[in-house]
């Protein structure tokens, strides 16, 4: 399953949605979001293990900590 949105801050809403998708049988859940704030790394989106990978752009996100490089794909737009 793919969750699509325009903005991600801490990601709590996405965790809730992904958890429901897992409960109804989704084997994999991906987040596709255009703008991601640096605060994503302060939230639980990567430690919750309900979202397999985040796909986003570099419009707001300045850098990805090495520990999370395997869980986020950053596409350059600017």
N, C-alpha and C. Protein backbone atom coordinates (compact mmCIF):
# COMPACT_ATOMS: atom_id res chain seq x y z
N UNK A 1 0.84 -1.17 0.00
CA UNK A 1 0.00 0.00 0.00
C UNK A 1 0.89 1.23 0.00
N UNK A 2 0.38 2.30 -0.59
CA UNK A 2 1.10 3.56 -0.64
C UNK A 2 0.21 4.66 -0.05
N UNK A 3 0.75 5.37 0.91
CA UNK A 3 0.09 6.55 1.47
C UNK A 3 0.70 7.76 0.79
N UNK A 4 -0.14 8.62 0.23
CA UNK A 4 0.33 9.79 -0.50
C UNK A 4 -0.16 11.06 0.19
N UNK A 5 0.74 12.02 0.36
CA UNK A 5 0.36 13.30 0.96
C UNK A 5 1.34 14.37 0.48
N UNK A 6 1.00 15.61 0.80
CA UNK A 6 1.86 16.70 0.35
C UNK A 6 2.88 17.14 1.39
N UNK A 7 2.64 16.90 2.69
CA UNK A 7 3.53 17.39 3.72
C UNK A 7 3.63 16.41 4.88
N UNK A 8 4.84 16.22 5.37
CA UNK A 8 5.07 15.39 6.55
C UNK A 8 5.92 16.17 7.54
N UNK A 9 5.45 16.22 8.80
CA UNK A 9 6.24 16.82 9.87
C UNK A 9 6.82 15.70 10.72
N UNK A 10 6.15 15.34 11.79
CA UNK A 10 6.63 14.27 12.67
C UNK A 10 6.15 12.89 12.20
N UNK A 11 5.01 12.84 11.52
CA UNK A 11 4.55 11.60 10.92
C UNK A 11 3.57 10.77 11.73
N UNK A 12 3.06 11.28 12.84
CA UNK A 12 2.16 10.49 13.68
C UNK A 12 0.90 10.05 12.95
N UNK A 13 0.32 10.92 12.13
CA UNK A 13 -0.88 10.53 11.37
C UNK A 13 -0.58 9.40 10.41
N UNK A 14 0.59 9.43 9.81
CA UNK A 14 0.97 8.36 8.88
C UNK A 14 1.18 7.04 9.60
N UNK A 15 1.72 7.11 10.80
CA UNK A 15 1.90 5.90 11.60
C UNK A 15 0.54 5.28 11.92
N UNK A 16 -0.41 6.13 12.31
CA UNK A 16 -1.76 5.64 12.61
C UNK A 16 -2.39 4.98 11.38
N UNK A 17 -2.27 5.65 10.24
CA UNK A 17 -2.85 5.10 9.00
C UNK A 17 -2.16 3.80 8.59
N UNK A 18 -0.85 3.77 8.69
CA UNK A 18 -0.10 2.57 8.31
C UNK A 18 -0.44 1.41 9.24
N UNK A 19 -0.65 1.69 10.51
CA UNK A 19 -1.01 0.64 11.46
C UNK A 19 -2.34 0.00 11.09
N UNK A 20 -3.29 0.83 10.69
CA UNK A 20 -4.60 0.31 10.26
C UNK A 20 -4.45 -0.53 9.00
N UNK A 21 -3.65 -0.05 8.07
CA UNK A 21 -3.43 -0.81 6.84
C UNK A 21 -2.79 -2.17 7.14
N UNK A 22 -1.86 -2.21 8.07
CA UNK A 22 -1.23 -3.48 8.47
C UNK A 22 -2.26 -4.42 9.10
N UNK A 23 -3.14 -3.85 9.94
CA UNK A 23 -4.16 -4.66 10.61
C UNK A 23 -5.10 -5.33 9.62
N UNK A 24 -5.35 -4.67 8.49
CA UNK A 24 -6.27 -5.25 7.50
C UNK A 24 -5.52 -6.05 6.43
N UNK A 25 -4.22 -6.28 6.65
CA UNK A 25 -3.52 -7.21 5.79
C UNK A 25 -2.44 -6.67 4.86
N UNK A 26 -2.14 -5.39 4.93
CA UNK A 26 -1.08 -4.86 4.05
C UNK A 26 0.27 -5.43 4.47
N UNK A 27 0.94 -6.05 3.53
CA UNK A 27 2.25 -6.63 3.81
C UNK A 27 3.35 -5.57 3.83
N UNK A 28 3.19 -4.54 3.02
CA UNK A 28 4.16 -3.45 2.94
C UNK A 28 3.39 -2.13 2.87
N UNK A 29 3.94 -1.10 3.51
CA UNK A 29 3.35 0.23 3.47
C UNK A 29 4.45 1.23 3.18
N UNK A 30 4.23 2.05 2.17
CA UNK A 30 5.18 3.08 1.77
C UNK A 30 4.53 4.44 1.89
N UNK A 31 5.33 5.44 2.22
CA UNK A 31 4.86 6.81 2.30
C UNK A 31 5.49 7.61 1.17
N UNK A 32 4.65 8.23 0.36
CA UNK A 32 5.10 9.10 -0.72
C UNK A 32 4.62 10.50 -0.37
N UNK A 33 5.55 11.38 -0.06
CA UNK A 33 5.21 12.73 0.39
C UNK A 33 6.11 13.74 -0.33
N UNK A 34 5.52 14.81 -0.81
CA UNK A 34 6.28 15.79 -1.58
C UNK A 34 7.25 16.57 -0.70
N UNK A 35 6.75 17.14 0.37
CA UNK A 35 7.57 17.97 1.26
C UNK A 35 7.69 17.32 2.63
N UNK A 36 8.92 17.12 3.08
CA UNK A 36 9.16 16.51 4.39
C UNK A 36 10.03 17.44 5.21
N UNK A 37 9.54 17.77 6.39
CA UNK A 37 10.31 18.63 7.29
C UNK A 37 11.36 17.81 8.04
N UNK A 38 12.41 18.48 8.50
CA UNK A 38 13.46 17.80 9.27
C UNK A 38 12.92 17.15 10.54
N UNK A 39 11.78 17.62 11.01
CA UNK A 39 11.19 17.08 12.24
C UNK A 39 10.79 15.60 12.10
N UNK A 40 10.75 15.07 10.88
CA UNK A 40 10.43 13.66 10.68
C UNK A 40 11.38 12.76 11.49
N UNK A 41 12.62 13.22 11.67
CA UNK A 41 13.60 12.41 12.39
C UNK A 41 13.44 12.53 13.91
N UNK A 42 12.60 13.45 14.37
CA UNK A 42 12.31 13.59 15.80
C UNK A 42 11.08 12.78 16.19
N UNK A 43 10.29 12.39 15.20
CA UNK A 43 9.10 11.60 15.44
C UNK A 43 9.41 10.12 15.46
N UNK A 44 8.38 9.30 15.41
CA UNK A 44 8.53 7.84 15.50
C UNK A 44 8.31 7.12 14.19
N UNK A 45 8.32 7.83 13.09
CA UNK A 45 7.97 7.22 11.82
C UNK A 45 8.92 6.08 11.43
N UNK A 46 10.19 6.20 11.80
CA UNK A 46 11.14 5.15 11.43
C UNK A 46 11.27 4.08 12.50
N UNK A 47 10.99 4.41 13.73
CA UNK A 47 11.11 3.43 14.81
C UNK A 47 9.85 2.61 15.00
N UNK A 48 8.73 3.07 14.44
CA UNK A 48 7.47 2.33 14.61
C UNK A 48 7.43 1.04 13.79
N UNK A 49 8.21 0.98 12.72
CA UNK A 49 8.29 -0.20 11.84
C UNK A 49 6.98 -0.56 11.15
N UNK A 50 6.06 0.39 11.00
CA UNK A 50 4.84 0.12 10.24
C UNK A 50 4.92 0.72 8.83
N UNK A 51 5.87 1.62 8.62
CA UNK A 51 6.11 2.18 7.29
C UNK A 51 7.46 1.66 6.82
N UNK A 52 7.44 0.98 5.68
CA UNK A 52 8.67 0.35 5.19
C UNK A 52 9.68 1.35 4.66
N UNK A 53 9.19 2.36 3.94
CA UNK A 53 10.11 3.34 3.35
C UNK A 53 9.36 4.62 3.06
N UNK A 54 10.06 5.74 3.19
CA UNK A 54 9.52 7.05 2.88
C UNK A 54 10.19 7.55 1.61
N UNK A 55 9.38 7.99 0.66
CA UNK A 55 9.87 8.60 -0.57
C UNK A 55 9.49 10.07 -0.54
N UNK A 56 10.46 10.95 -0.69
CA UNK A 56 10.21 12.38 -0.58
C UNK A 56 11.20 13.16 -1.44
N UNK A 57 11.06 14.49 -1.39
CA UNK A 57 11.94 15.37 -2.16
C UNK A 57 12.80 16.20 -1.21
N UNK A 58 13.73 16.93 -1.78
CA UNK A 58 14.61 17.77 -0.98
C UNK A 58 14.12 19.22 -0.89
N UNK A 59 12.83 19.44 -1.08
CA UNK A 59 12.32 20.82 -1.02
C UNK A 59 12.41 21.42 0.38
N UNK A 60 12.25 20.61 1.42
CA UNK A 60 12.36 21.09 2.80
C UNK A 60 13.41 20.33 3.60
N UNK A 61 13.58 19.09 3.30
CA UNK A 61 14.50 18.23 4.05
C UNK A 61 15.93 18.58 3.69
N UNK A 62 16.73 18.91 4.69
CA UNK A 62 18.09 19.35 4.40
C UNK A 62 19.08 18.20 4.28
N UNK A 63 18.97 17.21 5.16
CA UNK A 63 19.85 16.05 5.05
C UNK A 63 19.25 14.87 5.79
N UNK A 64 19.71 13.68 5.45
CA UNK A 64 19.21 12.45 6.05
C UNK A 64 20.31 11.88 6.95
N UNK A 65 20.00 11.67 8.23
CA UNK A 65 20.99 11.04 9.11
C UNK A 65 21.35 9.64 8.58
N UNK A 66 22.59 9.30 8.68
CA UNK A 66 23.09 8.03 8.13
C UNK A 66 22.30 6.83 8.66
N UNK A 67 21.88 6.87 9.90
CA UNK A 67 21.16 5.75 10.49
C UNK A 67 19.85 5.45 9.77
N UNK A 68 19.25 6.46 9.10
CA UNK A 68 17.96 6.28 8.45
C UNK A 68 18.05 6.24 6.93
N UNK A 69 19.24 6.25 6.36
CA UNK A 69 19.39 6.28 4.90
C UNK A 69 18.70 5.12 4.19
N UNK A 70 18.62 3.97 4.80
CA UNK A 70 17.98 2.82 4.16
C UNK A 70 16.47 2.89 4.20
N UNK A 71 15.91 3.80 5.01
CA UNK A 71 14.45 3.88 5.19
C UNK A 71 13.81 5.08 4.48
N UNK A 72 14.65 5.91 3.83
CA UNK A 72 14.11 7.08 3.16
C UNK A 72 14.83 7.27 1.83
N UNK A 73 14.04 7.59 0.81
CA UNK A 73 14.59 7.87 -0.52
C UNK A 73 14.34 9.34 -0.82
N UNK A 74 15.41 10.08 -1.04
CA UNK A 74 15.33 11.51 -1.26
C UNK A 74 15.58 11.83 -2.73
N UNK A 75 14.61 12.45 -3.37
CA UNK A 75 14.74 12.85 -4.78
C UNK A 75 15.01 14.34 -4.83
N UNK A 76 16.00 14.73 -5.59
CA UNK A 76 16.35 16.14 -5.71
C UNK A 76 15.42 16.85 -6.68
N UNK A 77 14.81 17.92 -6.20
CA UNK A 77 13.99 18.79 -7.05
C UNK A 77 14.60 20.17 -7.18
N UNK A 78 15.35 20.56 -6.15
CA UNK A 78 15.98 21.89 -6.18
C UNK A 78 17.45 21.78 -5.95
